[in-house]
Protein backbone atom coordinates (compact mmCIF):
# COMPACT_ATOMS: atom_id res chain seq x y z
CA UNK A 1 15.81 -15.29 -2.36
CA UNK A 2 18.05 -13.17 -4.22
CA UNK A 3 17.06 -10.38 -6.43
CA UNK A 4 18.52 -10.66 -9.69
CA UNK A 5 17.63 -7.60 -12.18
CA UNK A 6 16.50 -8.66 -15.56
CA UNK A 7 18.56 -7.52 -18.35
CA UNK A 8 15.96 -6.03 -20.67
CA UNK A 9 12.05 -4.16 -20.70
CA UNK A 10 11.16 -7.14 -22.58
CA UNK A 11 12.56 -9.92 -19.71
CA UNK A 12 11.24 -7.58 -17.23
CA UNK A 13 7.69 -7.26 -18.61
CA UNK A 14 7.75 -10.50 -19.05
CA UNK A 15 8.75 -11.24 -15.44
CA UNK A 16 6.18 -9.12 -14.02
CA UNK A 17 3.63 -10.48 -15.62
CA UNK A 18 4.82 -14.53 -14.61
CA UNK A 19 4.86 -12.97 -11.00
CA UNK A 20 2.12 -11.50 -11.43
CA UNK A 21 3.45 -8.41 -10.57
CA UNK A 22 2.62 -6.30 -13.64
CA UNK A 23 -0.06 -4.60 -12.21
CA UNK A 24 1.62 -2.89 -9.63
CA UNK A 25 4.93 -2.52 -11.51
CA UNK A 26 2.26 -0.10 -13.61
CA UNK A 27 0.48 1.37 -10.59
CA UNK A 28 3.98 2.01 -9.62
CA UNK A 29 4.80 3.65 -12.19
CA UNK A 30 1.95 5.92 -12.47
CA UNK A 31 2.54 7.49 -9.00
CA UNK A 32 5.93 8.05 -9.50
CA UNK A 33 4.93 10.22 -12.20
CA UNK A 34 2.25 11.56 -10.28
CA UNK A 35 4.64 12.74 -7.63
CA UNK A 36 6.89 14.63 -9.77
CA UNK A 37 4.06 16.27 -11.02
CA UNK A 38 4.03 14.53 -14.71
CA UNK A 39 1.03 13.65 -16.60
CA UNK A 40 1.13 9.78 -17.26
CA UNK A 41 -1.67 7.39 -16.18
CA UNK A 42 -0.57 4.65 -17.86
CA UNK A 43 -4.06 1.95 -17.32
CA UNK A 44 -3.98 -1.51 -15.82
CA UNK A 45 -4.86 -3.67 -18.65
CA UNK A 46 -2.17 -1.75 -21.21
CA UNK A 47 -0.15 -4.19 -22.88
CA UNK A 48 3.45 -4.68 -22.31
CA UNK A 49 4.54 -3.29 -26.07
CA UNK A 50 2.10 -0.14 -25.29
CA UNK A 51 3.88 0.43 -21.99
CA UNK A 52 7.05 0.64 -22.89
CA UNK A 53 6.31 2.12 -25.91
CA UNK A 54 4.67 4.71 -24.14
CA UNK A 55 6.74 4.94 -21.95
CA UNK A 56 9.93 5.70 -24.46
CA UNK A 57 7.66 7.75 -25.85
CA UNK A 58 7.22 10.49 -22.39
CA UNK A 59 11.15 10.13 -21.79
CA UNK A 60 11.52 11.54 -25.10
CA UNK A 61 9.40 14.28 -24.88
CA UNK A 62 10.71 15.18 -21.23
CA UNK A 63 14.66 14.66 -22.53
CA UNK A 64 14.44 17.38 -25.70
CA UNK A 65 11.72 19.85 -24.32
CA UNK A 66 12.02 19.53 -20.42
CA UNK A 67 14.96 18.74 -18.84
CA UNK A 68 14.35 20.50 -15.66
CA UNK A 69 11.17 17.80 -15.05
CA UNK A 70 13.41 14.45 -16.80
CA UNK A 71 16.19 15.34 -13.95
CA UNK A 72 13.41 15.75 -10.97
CA UNK A 73 11.88 12.38 -12.37
CA UNK A 74 14.92 10.91 -12.51
CA UNK A 75 15.42 11.89 -8.84
CA UNK A 76 11.93 11.39 -7.58
CA UNK A 77 12.28 6.99 -8.74
CA UNK A 78 15.47 6.95 -7.58
CA UNK A 79 17.12 5.79 -10.70
CA UNK A 80 21.33 5.66 -10.52
CA UNK A 81 23.03 8.09 -11.53
CA UNK A 82 25.58 6.20 -12.12
CA UNK A 83 24.03 4.25 -14.80
CA UNK A 84 22.72 7.37 -15.92
CA UNK A 85 25.79 8.75 -16.93
CA UNK A 86 27.08 5.66 -18.22
CA UNK A 87 24.69 5.80 -21.10
CA UNK A 88 26.04 7.08 -24.63
CA UNK A 89 23.41 10.32 -25.55
CA UNK A 90 24.59 10.83 -29.34
CA UNK A 91 20.57 9.44 -30.15
CA UNK A 92 17.96 10.91 -28.25
CA UNK A 93 16.02 7.76 -29.23
CA UNK A 94 18.05 5.49 -28.78
CA UNK A 95 18.82 6.85 -25.31
CA UNK A 96 15.25 7.52 -23.98
CA UNK A 97 14.53 3.99 -24.79
CA UNK A 98 17.64 3.06 -21.97
CA UNK A 99 16.55 5.37 -19.84
CA UNK A 100 12.83 4.02 -19.78
CA UNK A 101 14.41 0.26 -19.21
CA UNK A 102 16.11 1.62 -16.14
CA UNK A 103 13.21 3.04 -14.82
CA UNK A 104 11.45 0.30 -15.36
CA UNK A 105 14.15 -1.93 -13.67
CA UNK A 106 14.25 0.52 -10.46
CA UNK A 107 9.98 0.29 -10.73
CA UNK A 108 10.00 -2.84 -10.70
CA UNK A 109 12.71 -3.56 -7.79
CA UNK A 110 10.32 -1.05 -5.64
CA UNK A 111 7.69 -3.94 -6.21
CA UNK A 112 9.48 -6.49 -6.37
CA UNK A 113 10.78 -6.21 -2.76
CA UNK A 114 7.85 -5.12 -1.50
CA UNK A 115 6.29 -8.00 -2.49
CA UNK A 116 8.80 -10.50 -1.11
CA UNK A 117 9.21 -8.18 2.18
């Protein structure tokens, strides 16, 4: 079975639910944010829309006010530097949404591989 990355946050979250790995995805997010010393404590029963909005808001705050911590978080989660550099940073809200997707995509990849292998 080959891993194919979802192309949007909504597709990723629905795939996580379909594969019954949504709770694992939330746990992985919480774990990696804790490793980066960032307070993020999503409940495992958080709705996908609240997860998406909460993550975007957290990223927005980090970019705006705590950039070094934001970079540390990306490093700990292991988000592709190439993908981050390819983003357009002119609109911070849009950037936050795109970065949140890249974070979810990387976390989903970890959860998916752990489940399959």
